Amino acid sequence: MALAVLLAVGAVVGWLMSIVWKQDSLPLSLVNMVLGSGSAFFGNLALGYEFGPSMIHAEALWAGSLCSAVAVSIVALLRRRFR
């Protein structure tokens, strides 16, 4: 359950960051949502948070949302740079 919540939070943050970076087309929004979910997952693994059936920590959600926002921002900056 915690993993599903973390992936959903990462997808929402990726979608919000696509709005912030004015990448409102559907393919870019979907890519940002997938990137947000993946970076939230790997960010939590890198920071050492464990996943269990009922282990939802506020710190893990904050870390996941921060990692996904940073990853989507870096990709958006690289897209603008190499256009």
C-alpha atoms as a PDB file:
ATOM      1  CA  MET A   1       0.000   0.000   0.000  1.00  0.00           C
ATOM      2  CA  ALA A   2       2.808   2.371   0.849  1.00  0.00           C
ATOM      3  CA  LEU A   3       4.420   1.741  -2.514  1.00  0.00           C
ATOM      4  CA  ALA A   4       1.186   2.565  -4.347  1.00  0.00           C
ATOM      5  CA  VAL A   5       0.798   5.793  -2.373  1.00  0.00           C
ATOM      6  CA  LEU A   6       4.407   6.737  -3.069  1.00  0.00           C
ATOM      7  CA  LEU A   7       4.042   6.105  -6.810  1.00  0.00           C
ATOM      8  CA  ALA A   8       0.793   8.091  -6.888  1.00  0.00           C
ATOM      9  CA  VAL A   9       2.424  11.025  -5.078  1.00  0.00           C
ATOM     10  CA  GLY A  10       5.334  10.900  -7.526  1.00  0.00           C
ATOM     11  CA  ALA A  11       2.943  10.915 -10.485  1.00  0.00           C
ATOM     12  CA  VAL A  12       1.008  13.893  -9.105  1.00  0.00           C
ATOM     13  CA  VAL A  13       4.216  15.820  -8.459  1.00  0.00           C
ATOM     14  CA  GLY A  14       5.417  15.006 -11.993  1.00  0.00           C
ATOM     15  CA  TRP A  15       2.127  16.261 -13.426  1.00  0.00           C
ATOM     16  CA  LEU A  16       2.293  19.457 -11.348  1.00  0.00           C
ATOM     17  CA  MET A  17       5.870  20.059 -12.431  1.00  0.00           C
ATOM     18  CA  SER A  18       4.830  19.688 -16.071  1.00  0.00           C
ATOM     19  CA  ILE A  19       2.345  22.498 -15.459  1.00  0.00           C
ATOM     20  CA  VAL A  20       4.992  24.621 -13.725  1.00  0.00           C
ATOM     21  CA  TRP A  21       7.446  24.133 -16.602  1.00  0.00           C
ATOM     22  CA  LYS A  22       4.655  24.788 -19.163  1.00  0.00           C
ATOM     23  CA  GLN A  23       4.897  21.372 -20.764  1.00  0.00           C
ATOM     24  CA  ASP A  24       1.152  20.904 -21.061  1.00  0.00           C
ATOM     25  CA  SER A  25       1.057  18.506 -24.000  1.00  0.00           C
ATOM     26  CA  LEU A  26      -0.221  15.044 -23.154  1.00  0.00           C
ATOM     27  CA  PRO A  27       2.908  13.041 -24.100  1.00  0.00           C
ATOM     28  CA  LEU A  28       5.193  15.284 -22.043  1.00  0.00           C
ATOM     29  CA  SER A  29       2.804  15.196 -19.094  1.00  0.00           C
ATOM     30  CA  LEU A  30       2.729  11.395 -19.196  1.00  0.00           C
ATOM     31  CA  VAL A  31       6.509  11.209 -19.426  1.00  0.00           C
ATOM     32  CA  ASN A  32       6.805  13.568 -16.461  1.00  0.00           C
ATOM     33  CA  MET A  33       4.337  11.484 -14.455  1.00  0.00           C
ATOM     34  CA  VAL A  34       6.305   8.293 -15.129  1.00  0.00           C
ATOM     35  CA  LEU A  35       9.559  10.089 -14.371  1.00  0.00           C
ATOM     36  CA  GLY A  36       8.086  11.453 -11.141  1.00  0.00           C
ATOM     37  CA  SER A  37       6.933   8.020 -10.008  1.00  0.00           C
ATOM     38  CA  GLY A  38      10.241   6.365 -10.828  1.00  0.00           C
ATOM     39  CA  SER A  39      12.359   9.029  -9.201  1.00  0.00           C
ATOM     40  CA  ALA A  40      10.174   8.993  -6.082  1.00  0.00           C
ATOM     41  CA  PHE A  41      10.690   5.234  -5.826  1.00  0.00           C
ATOM     42  CA  PHE A  42      14.440   5.279  -6.433  1.00  0.00           C
ATOM     43  CA  GLY A  43      14.899   8.371  -4.267  1.00  0.00           C
ATOM     44  CA  ASN A  44      13.321   6.593  -1.328  1.00  0.00           C
ATOM     45  CA  LEU A  45      15.458   3.524  -1.928  1.00  0.00           C
ATOM     46  CA  ALA A  46      18.586   5.678  -2.072  1.00  0.00           C
ATOM     47  CA  LEU A  47      17.642   7.434   1.163  1.00  0.00           C
ATOM     48  CA  GLY A  48      17.106   4.104   2.898  1.00  0.00           C
ATOM     49  CA  TYR A  49      13.357   4.104   3.504  1.00  0.00           C
ATOM     50  CA  GLU A  50      11.821   0.655   3.688  1.00  0.00           C
ATOM     51  CA  PHE A  51       8.523  -0.382   2.189  1.00  0.00           C
ATOM     52  CA  GLY A  52       6.048  -2.523   4.035  1.00  0.00           C
ATOM     53  CA  PRO A  53       2.357  -3.267   3.832  1.00  0.00           C
ATOM     54  CA  SER A  54       1.357  -0.435   6.148  1.00  0.00           C
ATOM     55  CA  MET A  55       4.519   1.662   6.483  1.00  0.00           C
ATOM     56  CA  ILE A  56       3.636   5.108   5.194  1.00  0.00           C
ATOM     57  CA  HIS A  57       6.029   7.677   6.622  1.00  0.00           C
ATOM     58  CA  ALA A  58       5.631  11.407   6.118  1.00  0.00           C
ATOM     59  CA  GLU A  59       9.387  11.712   5.635  1.00  0.00           C
ATOM     60  CA  ALA A  60       9.305   9.138   2.839  1.00  0.00           C
ATOM     61  CA  LEU A  61       6.506  11.005   1.063  1.00  0.00           C
ATOM     62  CA  TRP A  62       8.363  14.308   1.371  1.00  0.00           C
ATOM     63  CA  ALA A  63      11.581  12.734   0.142  1.00  0.00           C
ATOM     64  CA  GLY A  64       9.784  11.088  -2.761  1.00  0.00           C
ATOM     65  CA  SER A  65       8.048  14.278  -3.807  1.00  0.00           C
ATOM     66  CA  LEU A  66      11.280  16.257  -3.540  1.00  0.00           C
ATOM     67  CA  CYS A  67      13.206  13.694  -5.598  1.00  0.00           C
ATOM     68  CA  SER A  68      10.527  13.614  -8.275  1.00  0.00           C
ATOM     69  CA  ALA A  69      10.323  17.423  -8.452  1.00  0.00           C
ATOM     70  CA  VAL A  70      14.094  17.705  -8.816  1.00  0.00           C
ATOM     71  CA  ALA A  71      14.273  14.972 -11.475  1.00  0.00           C
ATOM     72  CA  VAL A  72      11.450  16.452 -13.555  1.00  0.00           C
ATOM     73  CA  SER A  73      13.002  19.927 -13.262  1.00  0.00           C
ATOM     74  CA  ILE A  74      16.381  18.672 -14.441  1.00  0.00           C
ATOM     75  CA  VAL A  75      14.813  16.921 -17.434  1.00  0.00           C
ATOM     76  CA  ALA A  76      12.753  20.028 -18.269  1.00  0.00           C
ATOM     77  CA  LEU A  77      15.860  22.212 -18.163  1.00  0.00           C
ATOM     78  CA  LEU A  78      17.732  19.775 -20.404  1.00  0.00           C
ATOM     79  CA  ARG A  79      14.824  19.724 -22.852  1.00  0.00           C
ATOM     80  CA  ARG A  80      14.877  23.510 -23.072  1.00  0.00           C
ATOM     81  CA  ARG A  81      18.641  23.596 -23.402  1.00  0.00           C
ATOM     82  CA  PHE A  82      18.864  21.105 -26.281  1.00  0.00           C
ATOM     83  CA  ARG A  83      15.856  22.197 -28.310  1.00  0.00           C
END
